[in-house]
Full PDB file with SEQRES, HELIX, SHEET, SSBOND, CRYST1, ORIGX, SCALE, CONECT and MASTER records, all heavy atoms in Angstrom:
SEQRES   1 A   42  ILE LEU PRO MET SER ALA ASN ARG ALA PRO THR GLY ALA          
SEQRES   2 A   42  ASP ARG ALA TRP PHE PRO LEU VAL GLY LEU VAL LEU GLY          
SEQRES   3 A   42  ALA CYS LEU VAL GLY LEU ASP ALA ALA ALA ARG GLU GLY          
SEQRES   4 A   42  LEU PRO ALA                                                  
HELIX    1 AA1 GLY A   12  TRP A   17  5                                   6    
HELIX    2 AA2 PHE A   18  ALA A   36  1                                  19    
CRYST1    1.000    1.000    1.000  90.00  90.00  90.00 P 1           1          
ORIGX1      1.000000  0.000000  0.000000        0.00000                         
ORIGX2      0.000000  1.000000  0.000000        0.00000                         
ORIGX3      0.000000  0.000000  1.000000        0.00000                         
SCALE1      1.000000  0.000000  0.000000        0.00000                         
SCALE2      0.000000  1.000000  0.000000        0.00000                         
SCALE3      0.000000  0.000000  1.000000        0.00000                         
ATOM      1  N   ILE A   1     -45.040  74.811 -32.417  1.00  0.00           N  
ATOM      2  CA  ILE A   1     -45.264  73.938 -31.259  1.00  0.00           C  
ATOM      3  C   ILE A   1     -44.408  72.679 -31.343  1.00  0.00           C  
ATOM      4  O   ILE A   1     -44.502  71.817 -30.466  1.00  0.00           O  
ATOM      5  CB  ILE A   1     -46.748  73.528 -31.144  1.00  0.00           C  
ATOM      6  CG1 ILE A   1     -47.165  72.682 -32.368  1.00  0.00           C  
ATOM      7  CG2 ILE A   1     -47.643  74.728 -30.975  1.00  0.00           C  
ATOM      8  CD1 ILE A   1     -48.513  71.998 -32.197  1.00  0.00           C  
ATOM      9  N   LEU A   2     -43.595  72.576 -32.380  1.00  0.00           N  
ATOM     10  CA  LEU A   2     -42.772  71.381 -32.537  1.00  0.00           C  
ATOM     11  C   LEU A   2     -41.812  71.256 -31.362  1.00  0.00           C  
ATOM     12  O   LEU A   2     -41.216  72.252 -30.922  1.00  0.00           O  
ATOM     13  CB  LEU A   2     -42.001  71.443 -33.859  1.00  0.00           C  
ATOM     14  CG  LEU A   2     -42.880  71.494 -35.116  1.00  0.00           C  
ATOM     15  CD1 LEU A   2     -42.019  71.610 -36.368  1.00  0.00           C  
ATOM     16  CD2 LEU A   2     -43.775  70.271 -35.199  1.00  0.00           C  
ATOM     17  N   PRO A   3     -41.658  70.049 -30.822  1.00  0.00           N  
ATOM     18  CA  PRO A   3     -40.891  69.857 -29.579  1.00  0.00           C  
ATOM     19  C   PRO A   3     -39.391  69.959 -29.800  1.00  0.00           C  
ATOM     20  O   PRO A   3     -38.660  68.969 -29.770  1.00  0.00           O  
ATOM     21  CB  PRO A   3     -41.299  68.455 -29.135  1.00  0.00           C  
ATOM     22  CG  PRO A   3     -41.622  67.736 -30.413  1.00  0.00           C  
ATOM     23  CD  PRO A   3     -42.238  68.778 -31.311  1.00  0.00           C  
ATOM     24  N   MET A   4     -38.916  71.185 -30.011  1.00  0.00           N  
ATOM     25  CA  MET A   4     -37.485  71.409 -30.162  1.00  0.00           C  
ATOM     26  C   MET A   4     -37.080  72.550 -29.238  1.00  0.00           C  
ATOM     27  O   MET A   4     -37.798  73.539 -29.100  1.00  0.00           O  
ATOM     28  CB  MET A   4     -37.122  71.759 -31.602  1.00  0.00           C  
ATOM     29  CG  MET A   4     -37.207  70.600 -32.554  1.00  0.00           C  
ATOM     30  SD  MET A   4     -36.375  70.933 -34.117  1.00  0.00           S  
ATOM     31  CE  MET A   4     -36.646  69.383 -34.962  1.00  0.00           C  
ATOM     32  N   SER A   5     -35.930  72.417 -28.634  1.00  0.00           N  
ATOM     33  CA  SER A   5     -35.443  73.448 -27.724  1.00  0.00           C  
ATOM     34  C   SER A   5     -33.933  73.497 -27.772  1.00  0.00           C  
ATOM     35  O   SER A   5     -33.266  72.463 -27.819  1.00  0.00           O  
ATOM     36  CB  SER A   5     -35.909  73.179 -26.297  1.00  0.00           C  
ATOM     37  OG  SER A   5     -35.315  74.094 -25.404  1.00  0.00           O  
ATOM     38  N   ALA A   6     -33.409  74.725 -27.764  1.00  0.00           N  
ATOM     39  CA  ALA A   6     -31.950  74.901 -27.746  1.00  0.00           C  
ATOM     40  C   ALA A   6     -31.444  75.036 -26.318  1.00  0.00           C  
ATOM     41  O   ALA A   6     -30.263  75.302 -26.105  1.00  0.00           O  
ATOM     42  CB  ALA A   6     -31.569  76.137 -28.549  1.00  0.00           C  
ATOM     43  N   ASN A   7     -32.328  74.855 -25.331  1.00  0.00           N  
ATOM     44  CA  ASN A   7     -31.992  74.990 -23.918  1.00  0.00           C  
ATOM     45  C   ASN A   7     -31.441  76.374 -23.590  1.00  0.00           C  
ATOM     46  O   ASN A   7     -30.585  76.531 -22.720  1.00  0.00           O  
ATOM     47  CB  ASN A   7     -30.978  73.912 -23.504  1.00  0.00           C  
ATOM     48  CG  ASN A   7     -31.559  72.517 -23.620  1.00  0.00           C  
ATOM     49  OD1 ASN A   7     -32.711  72.278 -23.252  1.00  0.00           O  
ATOM     50  ND2 ASN A   7     -30.765  71.593 -24.146  1.00  0.00           N  
ATOM     51  N   ARG A   8     -31.922  77.360 -24.326  1.00  0.00           N  
ATOM     52  CA  ARG A   8     -31.564  78.759 -24.060  1.00  0.00           C  
ATOM     53  C   ARG A   8     -32.598  79.654 -24.717  1.00  0.00           C  
ATOM     54  O   ARG A   8     -33.382  79.212 -25.560  1.00  0.00           O  
ATOM     55  CB  ARG A   8     -30.175  79.089 -24.608  1.00  0.00           C  
ATOM     56  CG  ARG A   8     -30.043  78.929 -26.119  1.00  0.00           C  
ATOM     57  CD  ARG A   8     -28.762  79.572 -26.613  1.00  0.00           C  
ATOM     58  NE  ARG A   8     -28.519  79.338 -28.031  1.00  0.00           N  
ATOM     59  CZ  ARG A   8     -29.120  79.987 -29.014  1.00  0.00           C  
ATOM     60  NH1 ARG A   8     -30.029  80.907 -28.752  1.00  0.00           N  
ATOM     61  NH2 ARG A   8     -28.826  79.716 -30.281  1.00  0.00           N  
ATOM     62  N   ALA A   9     -32.609  80.901 -24.325  1.00  0.00           N  
ATOM     63  CA  ALA A   9     -33.521  81.857 -24.945  1.00  0.00           C  
ATOM     64  C   ALA A   9     -33.056  82.163 -26.370  1.00  0.00           C  
ATOM     65  O   ALA A   9     -31.850  82.130 -26.654  1.00  0.00           O  
ATOM     66  CB  ALA A   9     -33.568  83.142 -24.125  1.00  0.00           C  
ATOM     67  N   PRO A  10     -33.991  82.447 -27.280  1.00  0.00           N  
ATOM     68  CA  PRO A  10     -33.594  82.787 -28.647  1.00  0.00           C  
ATOM     69  C   PRO A  10     -32.826  84.105 -28.688  1.00  0.00           C  
ATOM     70  O   PRO A  10     -33.025  84.981 -27.840  1.00  0.00           O  
ATOM     71  CB  PRO A  10     -34.933  82.886 -29.385  1.00  0.00           C  
ATOM     72  CG  PRO A  10     -35.947  83.151 -28.332  1.00  0.00           C  
ATOM     73  CD  PRO A  10     -35.450  82.447 -27.107  1.00  0.00           C  
ATOM     74  N   THR A  11     -31.966  84.236 -29.682  1.00  0.00           N  
ATOM     75  CA  THR A  11     -31.175  85.456 -29.864  1.00  0.00           C  
ATOM     76  C   THR A  11     -31.290  85.926 -31.308  1.00  0.00           C  
ATOM     77  O   THR A  11     -31.877  85.255 -32.156  1.00  0.00           O  
ATOM     78  CB  THR A  11     -29.694  85.200 -29.540  1.00  0.00           C  
ATOM     79  OG1 THR A  11     -29.140  84.310 -30.534  1.00  0.00           O  
ATOM     80  CG2 THR A  11     -29.532  84.584 -28.161  1.00  0.00           C  
ATOM     81  N   GLY A  12     -30.677  87.079 -31.571  1.00  0.00           N  
ATOM     82  CA  GLY A  12     -30.728  87.618 -32.920  1.00  0.00           C  
ATOM     83  C   GLY A  12     -30.115  86.697 -33.954  1.00  0.00           C  
ATOM     84  O   GLY A  12     -30.532  86.690 -35.115  1.00  0.00           O  
ATOM     85  N   ALA A  13     -29.130  85.901 -33.566  1.00  0.00           N  
ATOM     86  CA  ALA A  13     -28.497  84.991 -34.524  1.00  0.00           C  
ATOM     87  C   ALA A  13     -29.470  83.932 -35.023  1.00  0.00           C  
ATOM     88  O   ALA A  13     -29.340  83.445 -36.154  1.00  0.00           O  
ATOM     89  CB  ALA A  13     -27.286  84.327 -33.888  1.00  0.00           C  
ATOM     90  N   ASP A  14     -30.455  83.579 -34.208  1.00  0.00           N  
ATOM     91  CA  ASP A  14     -31.385  82.504 -34.567  1.00  0.00           C  
ATOM     92  C   ASP A  14     -32.385  82.916 -35.649  1.00  0.00           C  
ATOM     93  O   ASP A  14     -33.001  82.062 -36.270  1.00  0.00           O  
ATOM     94  CB  ASP A  14     -32.147  82.031 -33.325  1.00  0.00           C  
ATOM     95  CG  ASP A  14     -31.223  81.515 -32.242  1.00  0.00           C  
ATOM     96  OD1 ASP A  14     -30.234  80.850 -32.583  1.00  0.00           O  
ATOM     97  OD2 ASP A  14     -31.481  81.795 -31.061  1.00  0.00           O  
ATOM     98  N   ARG A  15     -32.540  84.212 -35.876  1.00  0.00           N  
ATOM     99  CA  ARG A  15     -33.519  84.650 -36.867  1.00  0.00           C  
ATOM    100  C   ARG A  15     -33.115  84.262 -38.287  1.00  0.00           C  
ATOM    101  O   ARG A  15     -33.951  84.248 -39.191  1.00  0.00           O  
ATOM    102  CB  ARG A  15     -33.718  86.163 -36.771  1.00  0.00           C  
ATOM    103  CG  ARG A  15     -32.475  86.977 -37.099  1.00  0.00           C  
ATOM    104  CD  ARG A  15     -32.706  88.446 -36.831  1.00  0.00           C  
ATOM    105  NE  ARG A  15     -31.545  89.239 -37.221  1.00  0.00           N  
ATOM    106  CZ  ARG A  15     -31.526  90.568 -37.236  1.00  0.00           C  
ATOM    107  NH1 ARG A  15     -32.598  91.235 -36.869  1.00  0.00           N  
ATOM    108  NH2 ARG A  15     -30.447  91.218 -37.611  1.00  0.00           N  
ATOM    109  N   ALA A  16     -31.853  83.933 -38.483  1.00  0.00           N  
ATOM    110  CA  ALA A  16     -31.423  83.471 -39.806  1.00  0.00           C  
ATOM    111  C   ALA A  16     -32.183  82.229 -40.245  1.00  0.00           C  
ATOM    112  O   ALA A  16     -32.274  81.934 -41.448  1.00  0.00           O  
ATOM    113  CB  ALA A  16     -29.919  83.185 -39.794  1.00  0.00           C  
ATOM    114  N   TRP A  17     -32.740  81.491 -39.273  1.00  0.00           N  
ATOM    115  CA  TRP A  17     -33.428  80.235 -39.571  1.00  0.00           C  
ATOM    116  C   TRP A  17     -34.928  80.424 -39.815  1.00  0.00           C  
ATOM    117  O   TRP A  17     -35.620  79.434 -40.060  1.00  0.00           O  
ATOM    118  CB  TRP A  17     -33.221  79.250 -38.422  1.00  0.00           C  
ATOM    119  CG  TRP A  17     -31.790  78.921 -38.169  1.00  0.00           C  
ATOM    120  CD1 TRP A  17     -30.986  79.427 -37.194  1.00  0.00           C  
ATOM    121  CD2 TRP A  17     -30.974  78.020 -38.919  1.00  0.00           C  
ATOM    122  NE1 TRP A  17     -29.731  78.900 -37.272  1.00  0.00           N  
ATOM    123  CE2 TRP A  17     -29.687  78.025 -38.331  1.00  0.00           C  
ATOM    124  CE3 TRP A  17     -31.208  77.207 -40.037  1.00  0.00           C  
ATOM    125  CZ2 TRP A  17     -28.647  77.256 -38.814  1.00  0.00           C  
ATOM    126  CZ3 TRP A  17     -30.158  76.435 -40.524  1.00  0.00           C  
ATOM    127  CH2 TRP A  17     -28.898  76.468 -39.914  1.00  0.00           C  
ATOM    128  N   PHE A  18     -35.432  81.643 -39.763  1.00  0.00           N  
ATOM    129  CA  PHE A  18     -36.872  81.857 -39.950  1.00  0.00           C  
ATOM    130  C   PHE A  18     -37.408  81.239 -41.248  1.00  0.00           C  
ATOM    131  O   PHE A  18     -38.429  80.553 -41.236  1.00  0.00           O  
ATOM    132  CB  PHE A  18     -37.193  83.352 -39.916  1.00  0.00           C  
ATOM    133  CG  PHE A  18     -37.317  83.919 -38.527  1.00  0.00           C  
ATOM    134  CD1 PHE A  18     -36.842  83.235 -37.418  1.00  0.00           C  
ATOM    135  CD2 PHE A  18     -37.901  85.160 -38.324  1.00  0.00           C  
ATOM    136  CE1 PHE A  18     -36.953  83.764 -36.138  1.00  0.00           C  
ATOM    137  CE2 PHE A  18     -38.028  85.696 -37.056  1.00  0.00           C  
ATOM    138  CZ  PHE A  18     -37.554  85.007 -35.960  1.00  0.00           C  
ATOM    139  N   PRO A  19     -36.763  81.478 -42.409  1.00  0.00           N  
ATOM    140  CA  PRO A  19     -37.274  80.858 -43.637  1.00  0.00           C  
ATOM    141  C   PRO A  19     -37.258  79.334 -43.588  1.00  0.00           C  
ATOM    142  O   PRO A  19     -38.155  78.682 -44.137  1.00  0.00           O  
ATOM    143  CB  PRO A  19     -36.333  81.397 -44.724  1.00  0.00           C  
ATOM    144  CG  PRO A  19     -35.839  82.696 -44.172  1.00  0.00           C  
ATOM    145  CD  PRO A  19     -35.674  82.438 -42.704  1.00  0.00           C  
ATOM    146  N   LEU A  20     -36.257  78.759 -42.932  1.00  0.00           N  
ATOM    147  CA  LEU A  20     -36.208  77.304 -42.805  1.00  0.00           C  
ATOM    148  C   LEU A  20     -37.378  76.803 -41.965  1.00  0.00           C  
ATOM    149  O   LEU A  20     -37.975  75.759 -42.273  1.00  0.00           O  
ATOM    150  CB  LEU A  20     -34.890  76.863 -42.173  1.00  0.00           C  
ATOM    151  CG  LEU A  20     -34.720  75.350 -41.996  1.00  0.00           C  
ATOM    152  CD1 LEU A  20     -34.704  74.651 -43.346  1.00  0.00           C  
ATOM    153  CD2 LEU A  20     -33.441  75.035 -41.216  1.00  0.00           C  
ATOM    154  N   VAL A  21     -37.721  77.526 -40.902  1.00  0.00           N  
ATOM    155  CA  VAL A  21     -38.903  77.163 -40.116  1.00  0.00           C  
ATOM    156  C   VAL A  21     -40.139  77.175 -41.003  1.00  0.00           C  
ATOM    157  O   VAL A  21     -40.996  76.295 -40.911  1.00  0.00           O  
ATOM    158  CB  VAL A  21     -39.083  78.132 -38.929  1.00  0.00           C  
ATOM    159  CG1 VAL A  21     -40.376  77.831 -38.181  1.00  0.00           C  
ATOM    160  CG2 VAL A  21     -37.900  78.047 -37.976  1.00  0.00           C  
ATOM    161  N   GLY A  22     -40.231  78.166 -41.884  1.00  0.00           N  
ATOM    162  CA  GLY A  22     -41.348  78.218 -42.819  1.00  0.00           C  
ATOM    163  C   GLY A  22     -41.403  77.005 -43.732  1.00  0.00           C  
ATOM    164  O   GLY A  22     -42.478  76.481 -44.027  1.00  0.00           O  
ATOM    165  N   LEU A  23     -40.233  76.544 -44.162  1.00  0.00           N  
ATOM    166  CA  LEU A  23     -40.193  75.341 -45.002  1.00  0.00           C  
ATOM    167  C   LEU A  23     -40.676  74.111 -44.240  1.00  0.00           C  
ATOM    168  O   LEU A  23     -41.365  73.247 -44.800  1.00  0.00           O  
ATOM    169  CB  LEU A  23     -38.778  75.100 -45.526  1.00  0.00           C  
ATOM    170  CG  LEU A  23     -38.329  75.903 -46.748  1.00  0.00           C  
ATOM    171  CD1 LEU A  23     -36.889  75.549 -47.106  1.00  0.00           C  
ATOM    172  CD2 LEU A  23     -39.249  75.651 -47.943  1.00  0.00           C  
ATOM    173  N   VAL A  24     -40.312  74.026 -42.971  1.00  0.00           N  
ATOM    174  CA  VAL A  24     -40.780  72.903 -42.136  1.00  0.00           C  
ATOM    175  C   VAL A  24     -42.306  72.938 -42.036  1.00  0.00           C  
ATOM    176  O   VAL A  24     -42.982  71.910 -42.189  1.00  0.00           O  
ATOM    177  CB  VAL A  24     -40.136  72.969 -40.740  1.00  0.00           C  
ATOM    178  CG1 VAL A  24     -40.780  71.947 -39.812  1.00  0.00           C  
ATOM    179  CG2 VAL A  24     -38.637  72.735 -40.833  1.00  0.00           C  
ATOM    180  N   LEU A  25     -42.860  74.117 -41.808  1.00  0.00           N  
ATOM    181  CA  LEU A  25     -44.313  74.250 -41.747  1.00  0.00           C  
ATOM    182  C   LEU A  25     -44.949  73.908 -43.089  1.00  0.00           C  
ATOM    183  O   LEU A  25     -45.980  73.227 -43.158  1.00  0.00           O  
ATOM    184  CB  LEU A  25     -44.691  75.674 -41.340  1.00  0.00           C  
ATOM    185  CG  LEU A  25     -44.344  76.085 -39.909  1.00  0.00           C  
ATOM    186  CD1 LEU A  25     -44.555  77.587 -39.720  1.00  0.00           C  
ATOM    187  CD2 LEU A  25     -45.181  75.301 -38.914  1.00  0.00           C  
ATOM    188  N   GLY A  26     -44.326  74.367 -44.169  1.00  0.00           N  
ATOM    189  CA  GLY A  26     -44.846  74.061 -45.502  1.00  0.00           C  
ATOM    190  C   GLY A  26     -44.842  72.575 -45.779  1.00  0.00           C  
ATOM    191  O   GLY A  26     -45.792  72.048 -46.386  1.00  0.00           O  
ATOM    192  N   ALA A  27     -43.803  71.872 -45.340  1.00  0.00           N  
ATOM    193  CA  ALA A  27     -43.747  70.419 -45.540  1.00  0.00           C  
ATOM    194  C   ALA A  27     -44.881  69.727 -44.792  1.00  0.00           C  
ATOM    195  O   ALA A  27     -45.471  68.756 -45.294  1.00  0.00           O  
ATOM    196  CB  ALA A  27     -42.396  69.887 -45.070  1.00  0.00           C  
ATOM    197  N   CYS A  28     -45.191  70.217 -43.593  1.00  0.00           N  
ATOM    198  CA  CYS A  28     -46.321  69.652 -42.836  1.00  0.00           C  
ATOM    199  C   CYS A  28     -47.625  69.864 -43.603  1.00  0.00           C  
ATOM    200  O   CYS A  28     -48.480  68.957 -43.661  1.00  0.00           O  
ATOM    201  CB  CYS A  28     -46.414  70.297 -41.461  1.00  0.00           C  
ATOM    202  SG  CYS A  28     -45.027  69.942 -40.358  1.00  0.00           S  
ATOM    203  N   LEU A  29     -47.792  71.037 -44.196  1.00  0.00           N  
ATOM    204  CA  LEU A  29     -49.014  71.326 -44.957  1.00  0.00           C  
ATOM    205  C   LEU A  29     -49.107  70.460 -46.210  1.00  0.00           C  
ATOM    206  O   LEU A  29     -50.193  69.995 -46.571  1.00  0.00           O  
ATOM    207  CB  LEU A  29     -49.052  72.806 -45.347  1.00  0.00           C  
ATOM    208  CG  LEU A  29     -49.150  73.820 -44.216  1.00  0.00           C  
ATOM    209  CD1 LEU A  29     -49.235  75.234 -44.778  1.00  0.00           C  
ATOM    210  CD2 LEU A  29     -50.349  73.538 -43.323  1.00  0.00           C  
ATOM    211  N   VAL A  30     -47.981  70.236 -46.870  1.00  0.00           N  
ATOM    212  CA  VAL A  30     -47.978  69.389 -48.070  1.00  0.00           C  
ATOM    213  C   VAL A  30     -48.419  67.972 -47.724  1.00  0.00           C  
ATOM    214  O   VAL A  30     -49.219  67.354 -48.436  1.00  0.00           O  
ATOM    215  CB  VAL A  30     -46.576  69.382 -48.714  1.00  0.00           C  
ATOM    216  CG1 VAL A  30     -46.474  68.292 -49.778  1.00  0.00           C  
ATOM    217  CG2 VAL A  30     -46.277  70.738 -49.342  1.00  0.00           C  
ATOM    218  N   GLY A  31     -47.904  67.434 -46.620  1.00  0.00           N  
ATOM    219  CA  GLY A  31     -48.299  66.090 -46.210  1.00  0.00           C  
ATOM    220  C   GLY A  31     -49.776  66.008 -45.864  1.00  0.00           C  
ATOM    221  O   GLY A  31     -50.471  65.061 -46.267  1.00  0.00           O  
ATOM    222  N   LEU A  32     -50.277  66.988 -45.116  1.00  0.00           N  
ATOM    223  CA  LEU A  32     -51.690  67.005 -44.765  1.00  0.00           C  
ATOM    224  C   LEU A  32     -52.558  67.154 -46.010  1.00  0.00           C  
ATOM    225  O   LEU A  32     -53.597  66.484 -46.147  1.00  0.00           O  
ATOM    226  CB  LEU A  32     -51.968  68.156 -43.801  1.00  0.00           C  
ATOM    227  CG  LEU A  32     -53.438  68.398 -43.432  1.00  0.00           C  
ATOM    228  CD1 LEU A  32     -54.038  67.174 -42.758  1.00  0.00           C  
ATOM    229  CD2 LEU A  32     -53.564  69.631 -42.544  1.00  0.00           C  
ATOM    230  N   ASP A  33     -52.142  68.009 -46.927  1.00  0.00           N  
ATOM    231  CA  ASP A  33     -52.900  68.242 -48.151  1.00  0.00           C  
ATOM    232  C   ASP A  33     -53.001  66.964 -48.985  1.00  0.00           C  
ATOM    233  O   ASP A  33     -54.077  66.624 -49.485  1.00  0.00           O  
ATOM    234  CB  ASP A  33     -52.220  69.347 -48.967  1.00  0.00           C  
ATOM    235  CG  ASP A  33     -52.972  69.686 -50.247  1.00  0.00           C  
ATOM    236  OD1 ASP A  33     -54.104  70.200 -50.147  1.00  0.00           O  
ATOM    237  OD2 ASP A  33     -52.418  69.430 -51.333  1.00  0.00           O  
ATOM    238  N   ALA A  34     -51.892  66.257 -49.116  1.00  0.00           N  
ATOM    239  CA  ALA A  34     -51.888  65.026 -49.908  1.00  0.00           C  
ATOM    240  C   ALA A  34     -52.826  63.990 -49.309  1.00  0.00           C  
ATOM    241  O   ALA A  34     -53.552  63.292 -50.041  1.00  0.00           O  
ATOM    242  CB  ALA A  34     -50.466  64.477 -49.994  1.00  0.00           C  
ATOM    243  N   ALA A  35     -52.854  63.888 -47.990  1.00  0.00           N  
ATOM    244  CA  ALA A  35     -53.728  62.904 -47.344  1.00  0.00           C  
ATOM    245  C   ALA A  35     -55.190  63.331 -47.417  1.00  0.00           C  
ATOM    246  O   ALA A  35     -56.073  62.513 -47.712  1.00  0.00           O  
ATOM    247  CB  ALA A  35     -53.296  62.721 -45.891  1.00  0.00           C  
ATOM    248  N   ALA A  36     -55.452  64.615 -47.143  1.00  0.00           N  
ATOM    249  CA  ALA A  36     -56.835  65.088 -47.077  1.00  0.00           C  
ATOM    250  C   ALA A  36     -57.513  65.080 -48.438  1.00  0.00           C  
ATOM    251  O   ALA A  36     -58.714  64.807 -48.535  1.00  0.00           O  
ATOM    252  CB  ALA A  36     -56.868  66.492 -46.482  1.00  0.00           C  
ATOM    253  N   ARG A  37     -56.759  65.351 -49.502  1.00  0.00           N  
ATOM    254  CA  ARG A  37     -57.371  65.414 -50.836  1.00  0.00           C  
ATOM    255  C   ARG A  37     -57.805  64.040 -51.349  1.00  0.00           C  
ATOM    256  O   ARG A  37     -58.537  63.960 -52.332  1.00  0.00           O  
ATOM    257  CB  ARG A  37     -56.380  66.043 -51.821  1.00  0.00           C  
ATOM    258  CG  ARG A  37     -56.148  67.521 -51.595  1.00  0.00           C  
ATOM    259  CD  ARG A  37     -55.154  68.078 -52.575  1.00  0.00           C  
ATOM    260  NE  ARG A  37     -55.734  68.236 -53.898  1.00  0.00           N  
ATOM    261  CZ  ARG A  37     -55.028  68.392 -55.013  1.00  0.00           C  
ATOM    262  NH1 ARG A  37     -53.702  68.350 -54.961  1.00  0.00           N  
ATOM    263  NH2 ARG A  37     -55.626  68.549 -56.171  1.00  0.00           N  
ATOM    264  N   GLU A  38     -57.378  62.992 -50.679  1.00  0.00           N  
ATOM    265  CA  GLU A  38     -57.785  61.647 -51.094  1.00  0.00           C  
ATOM    266  C   GLU A  38     -59.278  61.417 -50.909  1.00  0.00           C  
ATOM    267  O   GLU A  38     -59.885  60.639 -51.642  1.00  0.00           O  
ATOM    268  CB  GLU A  38     -57.002  60.603 -50.293  1.00  0.00           C  
ATOM    269  CG  GLU A  38     -55.527  60.500 -50.653  1.00  0.00           C  
ATOM    270  CD  GLU A  38     -55.320  60.007 -52.078  1.00  0.00           C  
ATOM    271  OE1 GLU A  38     -56.070  59.109 -52.511  1.00  0.00           O  
ATOM    272  OE2 GLU A  38     -54.407  60.521 -52.755  1.00  0.00           O  
ATOM    273  N   GLY A  39     -59.883  62.082 -49.924  1.00  0.00           N  
ATOM    274  CA  GLY A  39     -61.299  61.802 -49.679  1.00  0.00           C  
ATOM    275  C   GLY A  39     -62.147  62.995 -49.333  1.00  0.00           C  
ATOM    276  O   GLY A  39     -63.343  62.838 -49.045  1.00  0.00           O  
ATOM    277  N   LEU A  40     -61.570  64.196 -49.347  1.00  0.00           N  
ATOM    278  CA  LEU A  40     -62.325  65.376 -48.931  1.00  0.00           C  
ATOM    279  C   LEU A  40     -62.370  66.412 -50.047  1.00  0.00           C  
ATOM    280  O   LEU A  40     -61.410  66.537 -50.824  1.00  0.00           O  
ATOM    281  CB  LEU A  40     -61.685  66.000 -47.688  1.00  0.00           C  
ATOM    282  CG  LEU A  40     -61.714  65.140 -46.412  1.00  0.00           C  
ATOM    283  CD1 LEU A  40     -60.902  65.804 -45.319  1.00  0.00           C  
ATOM    284  CD2 LEU A  40     -63.142  64.902 -45.955  1.00  0.00           C  
ATOM    285  N   PRO A  41     -63.444  67.202 -50.111  1.00  0.00           N  
ATOM    286  CA  PRO A  41     -63.519  68.263 -51.118  1.00  0.00           C  
ATOM    287  C   PRO A  41     -62.554  69.392 -50.795  1.00  0.00           C  
ATOM    288  O   PRO A  41     -62.104  69.555 -49.651  1.00  0.00           O  
ATOM    289  CB  PRO A  41     -64.974  68.731 -51.020  1.00  0.00           C  
ATOM    290  CG  PRO A  41     -65.421  68.341 -49.660  1.00  0.00           C  
ATOM    291  CD  PRO A  41     -64.675  67.086 -49.317  1.00  0.00           C  
ATOM    292  N   ALA A  42     -62.265  70.196 -51.819  1.00  0.00           N  
ATOM    293  CA  ALA A  42     -61.268  71.257 -51.684  1.00  0.00           C  
ATOM    294  C   ALA A  42     -61.626  72.248 -50.592  1.00  0.00           C  
ATOM    295  O   ALA A  42     -60.759  72.752 -49.878  1.00  0.00           O  
ATOM    296  CB  ALA A  42     -61.103  71.983 -53.020  1.00  0.00           C  
TER     297      ALA A  42                                                      
MASTER        0    0    0    2    0    0    0    6  296    1    0    4          
END                                                                             
């Protein structure tokens, strides 16, 4: 849902970036995890 657009429909060439998208999602989870663990149980 991140507000990014290439102003065109996705193509087969764009799938090369799938793992990078996963890293972006992982970074979001790391930040949330670090903040939430300060005061919430596991």
